[in-house]
């Protein structure tokens, strides 16, 4: 099934990390599972994890759809990774004999930071240290994607394989608090920032900061993943239409809330969440209310009791290409709830930087970088993942880590 062609197929071009999809799928068809997995790992150190959570833009572009349906590219990646796990095989990631002496610091043990470390270790760098504020690895893969979508032991195994390459991961270490950013610049030859988007955005409605029981989706999912928030009771309302909203609702259902609602200001057609995730949420019992938006958070004795909402109708398309929701005057109504989780978007938390830093930032508070190398405007400092793109899919964060690894290598070898 493996036929060598010089052109890059459309699926590979669409994949942010340009995985050799034709190659690894062909090897699976030939029954060469180990070779297929090795081919994937040339570009991707998280085949089992990404094989579970990726929304697979490659399949949307797959030419096979014009004949019948796209190749199951993502599931095949998961399959071949799971074959290795089921067989009890523990691979060793090779590093070259020739080593480079420079020290590299990586801020954030998420998919972008760990991929950058993986690629640099494969190039021969042996002094790589990852600083992680959380007590666990994986960044949003661990604390933002629920267990039922990505089991923690699967992710931990893939992180351990990277650590065994000689990559040191220091947990519970917050830059700007436990060690200053200036110290990193003094002690390391290059720095990669892959701190992600771990700050939930506010609704900006009255009452939001006044009552206990309203918590943003990032905090809600993180606390549940870390075992801090174990069970729920009463009614949960999640506000938003993206994957984080769906994850929050489905997690809430598993925590034991009596009723779980998702409130979305447009219709099902405009929801940015993966359609199969929305289907699963409805199948589990989550109730979706469309064309509604929050106006005010209500409460008594310091605790949330509900939310005043307003009905919406769709007008002309806005900048996102989706029809703009317009409030219907006089249509306000009240919905009761004990817990409210806004899941409208996420932002960067750059509080680890010095107050008088000189980084060039965008109006979205993300880093401006050289698109070829991942370099920021500060020499020796690189960035990638959600701190550059804003909240996005994991495979694009991984691509940002790969780009920066090449940029760091070029920077250090040219010094």
Protein backbone atom coordinates (compact mmCIF):
# COMPACT_ATOMS: atom_id res chain seq x y z
CA UNK A 1 0.00 0.00 0.00
CA UNK A 2 3.00 2.30 0.29
CA UNK A 3 3.67 4.07 -2.95
CA UNK A 4 6.30 6.81 -2.93
CA UNK A 5 5.16 10.06 -4.51
CA UNK A 6 7.06 13.34 -4.53
CA UNK A 7 4.08 15.59 -3.96
CA UNK A 8 2.72 16.35 -0.48
CA UNK A 9 -0.93 15.18 -0.33
CA UNK A 10 -3.64 17.61 0.75
CA UNK A 11 -4.17 15.85 4.11
CA UNK A 12 -0.49 16.26 5.00
CA UNK A 13 -0.50 19.92 3.92
CA UNK A 14 -3.59 20.53 6.07
CA UNK A 15 -2.08 18.89 9.17
CA UNK A 16 -0.37 21.63 11.22
CA UNK A 17 2.67 19.38 11.83
CA UNK A 18 2.62 17.92 8.29
CA UNK A 19 2.42 14.31 9.45
CA UNK A 20 3.26 11.77 6.73
CA UNK A 21 -0.33 10.54 6.74
CA UNK A 22 -0.10 8.63 3.48
CA UNK A 23 2.99 6.88 4.81
CA UNK A 24 1.71 5.82 8.22
CA UNK A 25 -1.74 4.80 6.97
CA UNK A 26 -0.11 2.72 4.26
CA UNK A 27 2.14 0.99 6.81
CA UNK A 28 -0.92 0.15 8.93
CA UNK A 29 -2.57 -1.34 5.83
CA UNK A 30 0.55 -3.46 5.36
CA UNK A 31 0.32 -4.63 9.00
CA UNK A 32 3.56 -2.85 9.90
CA UNK A 33 2.29 -1.22 13.09
CA UNK A 34 5.66 -0.52 14.75
CA UNK A 35 6.99 1.13 11.59
CA UNK A 36 3.81 3.19 11.28
CA UNK A 37 4.11 4.46 14.85
CA UNK A 38 7.77 5.29 14.31
CA UNK A 39 6.79 7.29 11.22
CA UNK A 40 4.23 9.26 13.27
CA UNK A 41 6.76 9.95 16.05
CA UNK A 42 9.14 11.55 13.59
CA UNK A 43 6.77 14.55 13.73
CA UNK A 44 4.56 13.95 16.78
CA UNK A 45 5.48 12.76 20.30
CA UNK A 46 1.84 12.35 21.43
CA UNK A 47 0.22 9.85 19.02
CA UNK A 48 -2.06 8.20 21.60
CA UNK A 49 -3.19 11.51 23.13
CA UNK A 50 -3.68 13.45 19.89
CA UNK A 51 -5.30 10.36 18.39
CA UNK A 52 -8.02 10.80 21.01
CA UNK A 53 -8.61 14.56 21.06
CA UNK A 54 -7.69 16.01 17.66
CA UNK A 55 -10.60 17.41 15.62
CA UNK A 56 -8.65 16.15 12.58
CA UNK A 57 -8.66 18.97 10.01
CA UNK A 58 -6.79 16.50 7.78
CA UNK A 59 -9.95 14.40 7.39
CA UNK A 60 -11.95 17.45 6.34
CA UNK A 61 -9.46 17.84 3.48
CA UNK A 62 -9.18 14.12 2.63
CA UNK A 63 -9.72 13.45 -1.09
CA UNK A 64 -11.37 10.11 -0.33
CA UNK A 65 -14.53 11.97 0.75
CA UNK A 66 -15.28 12.70 -2.90
CA UNK A 67 -15.56 8.95 -3.53
CA UNK A 68 -17.34 7.84 -0.34
CA UNK A 69 -15.98 9.18 3.00
CA UNK A 70 -12.66 10.40 4.44
CA UNK A 71 -10.02 7.98 5.70
CA UNK A 72 -10.22 7.70 9.53
CA UNK A 73 -6.78 9.30 9.85
CA UNK A 74 -7.07 10.30 13.49
CA UNK A 75 -8.52 7.01 14.72
CA UNK A 76 -5.82 5.07 12.87
CA UNK A 77 -3.19 7.10 14.74
CA UNK A 78 -4.86 6.18 18.02
CA UNK A 79 -5.17 2.54 16.92
CA UNK A 80 -1.51 2.07 16.14
CA UNK A 81 -0.47 3.80 19.40
CA UNK A 82 -2.87 1.60 21.37
CA UNK A 83 -1.44 -1.55 19.71
CA UNK A 84 1.92 -0.72 21.29
CA UNK A 85 0.33 -0.04 24.69
CA UNK A 86 -1.70 -3.27 24.59
CA UNK A 87 1.46 -5.23 23.74
CA UNK A 88 3.25 -3.75 26.78
CA UNK A 89 6.02 -2.30 24.61
CA UNK A 90 7.96 0.57 26.22
CA UNK A 91 9.94 2.31 23.47
CA UNK A 92 13.06 4.36 24.00
CA UNK A 93 13.37 7.61 22.11
CA UNK A 94 16.85 7.83 20.64
CA UNK A 95 19.06 10.90 21.01
CA UNK A 96 22.27 11.47 19.01
CA UNK A 97 25.72 10.73 20.43
CA UNK A 98 26.87 14.25 19.59
CA UNK A 99 25.59 16.57 22.31
CA UNK A 100 25.30 20.34 22.48
CA UNK A 101 26.31 22.14 25.70
CA UNK A 102 23.77 24.99 25.75
CA UNK A 103 21.10 25.21 28.45
CA UNK A 104 17.49 25.70 27.36
CA UNK A 105 14.56 26.68 29.60
CA UNK A 106 10.99 25.90 28.62
CA UNK A 107 8.09 27.66 30.34
CA UNK A 108 5.09 25.33 30.40
CA UNK A 109 4.82 21.53 30.15
CA UNK A 110 1.93 21.62 27.72
CA UNK A 111 1.88 20.11 24.23
CA UNK A 112 3.86 23.02 22.76
CA UNK A 113 6.58 23.10 25.42
CA UNK A 114 7.02 19.33 25.61
CA UNK A 115 7.18 19.01 21.83
CA UNK A 116 9.83 21.73 21.71
CA UNK A 117 11.80 19.81 24.36
CA UNK A 118 11.34 16.52 22.45
CA UNK A 119 12.61 17.96 19.17
CA UNK A 120 15.56 19.70 20.84
CA UNK A 121 16.54 16.48 22.64
CA UNK A 122 16.41 14.63 19.31
CA UNK A 123 18.78 17.26 17.90
CA UNK A 124 21.28 16.56 20.68
CA UNK A 125 20.58 19.14 23.38
CA UNK A 126 21.00 17.51 26.79
CA UNK A 127 20.42 20.45 29.17
CA UNK A 128 16.69 21.08 28.78
CA UNK A 129 14.59 22.06 31.78
CA UNK A 130 10.81 22.50 31.69
CA UNK A 131 9.20 24.71 34.33
CA UNK A 132 5.55 23.90 35.04
CA UNK A 133 3.28 25.84 37.43
CA UNK A 134 0.87 22.90 37.85
CA UNK A 135 1.62 19.68 39.78
CA UNK A 136 0.93 17.66 36.59
CA UNK A 137 2.23 17.61 33.00
CA UNK A 138 0.41 18.18 29.73
CA UNK A 139 -0.97 21.66 30.34
CA UNK A 140 -4.52 21.93 29.02
CA UNK A 141 -4.38 18.30 27.82
CA UNK A 142 -4.38 17.28 31.51
CA UNK A 143 -6.44 20.01 33.21
CA UNK A 144 -8.75 21.01 30.36
CA UNK A 145 -9.63 17.78 28.57
CA UNK A 146 -11.69 15.39 30.70
CA UNK A 147 -10.67 11.86 31.62
CA UNK A 148 -13.36 10.27 29.44
CA UNK A 149 -11.80 11.90 26.34
CA UNK A 150 -8.14 11.54 27.29
CA UNK A 151 -7.23 9.13 30.12
CA UNK A 152 -4.49 10.62 32.32
CA UNK A 153 -2.41 7.41 32.26
CA UNK A 154 -2.19 7.62 28.44
CA UNK A 155 -0.91 11.20 28.59
CA UNK A 156 1.44 10.47 31.52
CA UNK A 157 3.06 7.61 29.61
CA UNK A 158 3.80 9.85 26.61
CA UNK A 159 5.25 12.56 28.87
CA UNK A 160 7.42 9.97 30.66
CA UNK A 161 8.88 8.85 27.32
CA UNK A 162 9.99 12.44 26.68
CA UNK A 163 11.41 12.80 30.20
CA UNK A 164 13.48 9.63 29.69
CA UNK A 165 15.30 11.43 26.86
CA UNK A 166 16.96 13.52 29.57
CA UNK A 167 14.39 16.32 29.67
CA UNK A 168 13.94 17.59 33.23
CA UNK A 169 10.43 18.69 34.25
CA UNK A 170 10.11 20.78 37.42
CA UNK A 171 6.52 20.96 38.66
CA UNK A 172 4.83 23.44 41.02
CA UNK A 173 7.18 26.16 39.81
CA UNK A 174 5.60 29.43 38.77
CA UNK A 175 7.78 31.83 36.80
CA UNK A 176 7.63 35.29 38.35
CA UNK A 177 7.02 33.81 41.80
CA UNK A 178 9.31 30.82 42.45
CA UNK A 179 11.92 31.95 39.95
CA UNK A 180 11.97 35.26 38.10
CA UNK A 181 11.98 35.59 34.33
CA UNK A 182 15.19 37.64 34.62
CA UNK A 183 16.87 34.67 36.37
CA UNK A 184 15.89 32.41 33.48
CA UNK A 185 17.46 34.84 31.01
CA UNK A 186 20.68 34.93 33.07
CA UNK A 187 20.95 31.16 33.59
CA UNK A 188 19.86 29.81 30.18
CA UNK A 189 21.10 30.27 26.61
CA UNK A 190 17.60 30.16 25.13
CA UNK A 191 14.04 30.24 26.46
CA UNK A 192 10.82 28.89 24.98
CA UNK A 193 7.51 30.22 26.30
CA UNK A 194 4.60 27.81 25.92
CA UNK A 195 2.43 28.89 28.84
CA UNK A 196 -0.92 28.36 27.10
CA UNK A 197 -4.24 30.15 27.68
CA UNK A 198 -5.28 29.26 31.22
CA UNK A 199 -7.36 32.32 32.03
CA UNK A 200 -11.12 32.12 31.58
CA UNK A 201 -12.73 35.27 30.21
CA UNK A 202 -15.50 37.02 32.10
CA UNK A 203 -19.11 37.53 30.98
CA UNK A 204 -18.98 41.22 32.00
CA UNK A 205 -22.52 41.24 33.37
CA UNK A 206 -23.80 42.59 36.73
CA UNK A 207 -23.42 40.23 39.69
CA UNK A 208 -20.60 38.19 38.16
CA UNK A 209 -18.11 38.98 40.93
CA UNK A 210 -20.57 39.14 43.81
CA UNK A 211 -21.60 35.56 44.48
CA UNK A 212 -20.11 32.17 45.25
CA UNK A 213 -21.07 29.57 42.65
CA UNK A 214 -19.90 31.22 39.44
CA UNK A 215 -16.62 29.85 38.15
CA UNK A 216 -15.00 30.10 34.71
CA UNK A 217 -14.62 26.92 32.66
CA UNK A 218 -10.81 26.85 32.87
CA UNK A 219 -10.91 26.84 36.68
CA UNK A 220 -13.88 24.44 36.76
CA UNK A 221 -12.20 21.84 34.54
CA UNK A 222 -8.79 22.29 36.22
CA UNK A 223 -10.17 21.83 39.74
CA UNK A 224 -12.11 18.76 38.66
CA UNK A 225 -9.03 17.26 36.95
CA UNK A 226 -6.87 17.87 40.04
CA UNK A 227 -9.46 16.39 42.42
CA UNK A 228 -10.25 19.71 44.13
CA UNK A 229 -13.85 19.88 42.85
CA UNK A 230 -15.21 16.36 43.23
CA UNK A 231 -18.99 16.51 43.19
CA UNK A 232 -21.85 18.81 42.29
CA UNK A 233 -25.44 19.23 43.32
CA UNK A 234 -28.42 21.19 42.09
CA UNK A 235 -28.55 22.76 38.64
CA UNK A 236 -25.50 23.64 36.54
CA UNK A 237 -25.63 26.14 33.70
CA UNK A 238 -22.73 26.38 31.25
CA UNK A 239 -22.60 29.45 29.00
CA UNK A 240 -20.97 29.06 25.59
CA UNK A 241 -20.92 26.95 22.44
CA UNK A 242 -17.34 25.73 22.08
CA UNK A 243 -15.63 22.49 23.09
CA UNK A 244 -14.79 23.89 26.55
CA UNK A 245 -18.51 24.46 27.16
CA UNK A 246 -19.37 20.92 26.08
CA UNK A 247 -16.56 19.48 28.22
CA UNK A 248 -17.70 21.50 31.25
CA UNK A 249 -21.29 20.31 30.85
CA UNK A 250 -20.36 16.64 30.40
CA UNK A 251 -17.94 16.81 33.35
CA UNK A 252 -20.69 18.44 35.44
CA UNK A 253 -23.06 15.61 34.55
CA UNK A 254 -20.47 13.08 35.77
CA UNK A 255 -19.93 15.06 38.98
CA UNK A 256 -23.56 14.49 39.92
CA UNK A 257 -25.38 17.75 39.19
CA UNK A 258 -29.15 17.10 39.08
CA UNK A 259 -29.61 19.06 35.85
CA UNK A 260 -27.09 20.41 33.35
CA UNK A 261 -27.88 23.11 30.81
CA UNK A 262 -25.86 24.76 28.08
CA UNK A 263 -26.93 28.28 27.17
CA UNK A 264 -25.80 29.48 23.73
CA UNK A 265 -26.64 32.78 22.06
CA UNK A 266 -26.81 31.39 18.52
CA UNK A 267 -28.23 28.13 17.11
CA UNK A 268 -26.81 24.61 16.84
CA UNK A 269 -25.66 25.40 13.29
CA UNK A 270 -23.29 28.15 14.50
CA UNK A 271 -21.80 26.23 17.46
CA UNK A 272 -18.01 25.99 17.11
CA UNK A 273 -17.89 22.79 19.18
CA UNK A 274 -17.21 19.48 17.44
CA UNK A 275 -20.64 18.19 16.27
CA UNK A 276 -19.96 14.70 17.64
CA UNK A 277 -19.25 16.18 21.10
CA UNK A 278 -22.56 18.09 21.03
CA UNK A 279 -24.36 14.86 20.04
CA UNK A 280 -22.71 13.01 22.94
CA UNK A 281 -23.67 15.73 25.44
CA UNK A 282 -27.33 15.58 24.36
CA UNK A 283 -27.27 11.79 24.47
CA UNK A 284 -26.02 11.91 28.06
CA UNK A 285 -28.84 14.22 29.13
CA UNK A 286 -27.38 17.71 28.85
CA UNK A 287 -30.10 20.19 27.83
CA UNK A 288 -29.18 22.85 25.27
CA UNK A 289 -30.95 26.21 25.17
CA UNK A 290 -30.25 28.16 21.99
CA UNK A 291 -30.72 31.84 21.18
CA UNK A 292 -30.30 32.99 24.78
CA UNK A 293 -27.68 35.11 26.51
CA UNK A 294 -27.00 36.09 30.15
CA UNK A 295 -27.89 39.59 31.29
CA UNK A 296 -27.32 39.41 35.05
CA UNK A 297 -26.18 36.92 37.70
CA UNK A 298 -28.66 36.63 40.57
CA UNK A 299 -27.97 35.55 44.14
CA UNK A 300 -28.90 35.60 47.81
CA UNK A 301 -26.78 35.52 50.95
CA UNK A 302 -23.59 35.57 48.87
CA UNK A 303 -24.50 32.53 46.76
CA UNK A 304 -25.72 32.19 43.18
CA UNK A 305 -29.43 31.43 42.81
CA UNK A 306 -29.83 31.89 39.07
CA UNK A 307 -29.41 34.10 36.07
CA UNK A 308 -31.46 36.61 34.15
CA UNK A 309 -31.31 35.86 30.42
CA UNK A 310 -32.59 37.48 27.26
CA UNK A 311 -33.79 35.76 24.10
CA UNK A 312 -31.87 36.43 20.89
CA UNK A 313 -32.51 36.38 17.17
CA UNK A 314 -29.95 36.10 14.39
CA UNK A 315 -29.13 39.08 12.17
CA UNK A 316 -26.51 39.60 9.48
CA UNK A 317 -23.17 37.71 9.58
CA UNK A 318 -20.39 39.27 11.69
CA UNK A 319 -16.58 39.11 11.32
CA UNK A 320 -16.58 35.39 12.22
CA UNK A 321 -18.89 34.62 9.30
CA UNK A 322 -21.66 33.53 11.67
CA UNK A 323 -24.95 35.41 11.94
CA UNK A 324 -24.82 38.03 14.68
CA UNK A 325 -27.09 37.43 17.70
CA UNK A 326 -29.40 40.38 18.43
CA UNK A 327 -31.30 40.73 21.76
CA UNK A 328 -35.10 40.69 21.53
CA UNK A 329 -36.35 43.61 23.57
CA UNK A 330 -38.63 42.68 26.47
CA UNK A 331 -37.86 38.93 26.27
CA UNK A 332 -35.94 38.63 29.57
CA UNK A 333 -36.56 35.58 31.72
CA UNK A 334 -34.97 34.00 34.81
CA UNK A 335 -33.44 30.54 35.05
CA UNK A 336 -32.51 29.10 38.46
CA UNK A 337 -29.10 27.54 39.11
CA UNK A 338 -26.69 26.73 41.93
CA UNK A 339 -23.57 26.78 39.74
CA UNK A 340 -22.84 28.87 36.64
CA UNK A 341 -19.82 28.21 34.41
CA UNK A 342 -18.99 30.80 31.73
CA UNK A 343 -17.16 29.05 28.87
CA UNK A 344 -16.98 31.89 26.39
CA UNK A 345 -13.24 31.87 25.68
CA UNK A 346 -9.79 31.82 27.23
CA UNK A 347 -6.95 34.30 27.40
CA UNK A 348 -3.27 34.39 28.24
CA UNK A 349 -1.93 35.03 31.73
CA UNK A 350 1.38 36.85 31.23
CA UNK A 351 1.78 37.86 34.88
CA UNK A 352 5.04 35.84 34.94
CA UNK A 353 6.72 38.54 32.85
CA UNK A 354 8.42 41.51 34.53
CA UNK A 355 6.19 44.59 34.78
CA UNK A 356 8.56 46.61 32.61
CA UNK A 357 9.10 43.91 29.99
CA UNK A 358 9.85 44.87 26.39
CA UNK A 359 8.08 42.06 24.56
CA UNK A 360 5.95 43.02 21.59
CA UNK A 361 2.41 41.79 22.24
CA UNK A 362 -0.71 41.75 20.07
CA UNK A 363 -3.97 43.42 21.09
CA UNK A 364 -5.11 39.97 22.28
CA UNK A 365 -2.21 39.91 24.80
CA UNK A 366 -0.37 37.20 22.86
CA UNK A 367 3.27 37.25 21.73
CA UNK A 368 4.29 38.63 18.37
CA UNK A 369 6.77 36.20 16.81
CA UNK A 370 8.74 35.56 13.64
CA UNK A 371 6.47 33.15 11.75
CA UNK A 372 9.45 31.16 10.47
CA UNK A 373 11.40 30.68 13.70
CA UNK A 374 9.05 31.39 16.61
CA UNK A 375 11.43 34.09 17.85
CA UNK A 376 10.05 37.00 19.86
CA UNK A 377 11.57 40.48 19.58
CA UNK A 378 13.83 39.66 22.57
CA UNK A 379 16.95 37.77 21.37
CA UNK A 380 17.08 34.19 22.62
CA UNK A 381 13.42 34.10 23.68
CA UNK A 382 10.95 32.09 21.59
CA UNK A 383 7.24 31.40 21.96
CA UNK A 384 4.62 29.05 20.56
CA UNK A 385 1.23 27.47 21.12
CA UNK A 386 -1.74 29.31 22.59
CA UNK A 387 0.39 32.18 23.97
CA UNK A 388 0.93 33.10 20.30
CA UNK A 389 -2.26 31.95 18.57
CA UNK A 390 -4.79 32.37 21.35
CA UNK A 391 -6.89 29.32 22.33
CA UNK A 392 -6.57 26.75 19.57
CA UNK A 393 -6.34 22.99 19.00
CA UNK A 394 -3.49 20.95 20.49
CA UNK A 395 -1.97 19.92 17.16
CA UNK A 396 -1.37 23.60 16.28
CA UNK A 397 0.28 24.15 19.66
CA UNK A 398 2.53 21.19 18.86
CA UNK A 399 3.37 22.78 15.50
CA UNK A 400 4.37 25.96 17.36
CA UNK A 401 6.73 23.97 19.57
CA UNK A 402 8.31 22.29 16.55
CA UNK A 403 8.83 25.61 14.77
CA UNK A 404 10.51 27.12 17.83
CA UNK A 405 12.79 24.08 18.30
CA UNK A 406 14.21 24.66 14.81
CA UNK A 407 14.47 28.40 15.52
CA UNK A 408 16.29 27.81 18.81
CA UNK A 409 18.72 25.39 17.13
CA UNK A 410 19.49 27.92 14.39
CA UNK A 411 19.90 30.71 16.95
CA UNK A 412 22.27 28.75 19.19
CA UNK A 413 24.38 27.37 16.33
CA UNK A 414 24.82 30.83 14.83
CA UNK A 415 26.07 32.43 18.05
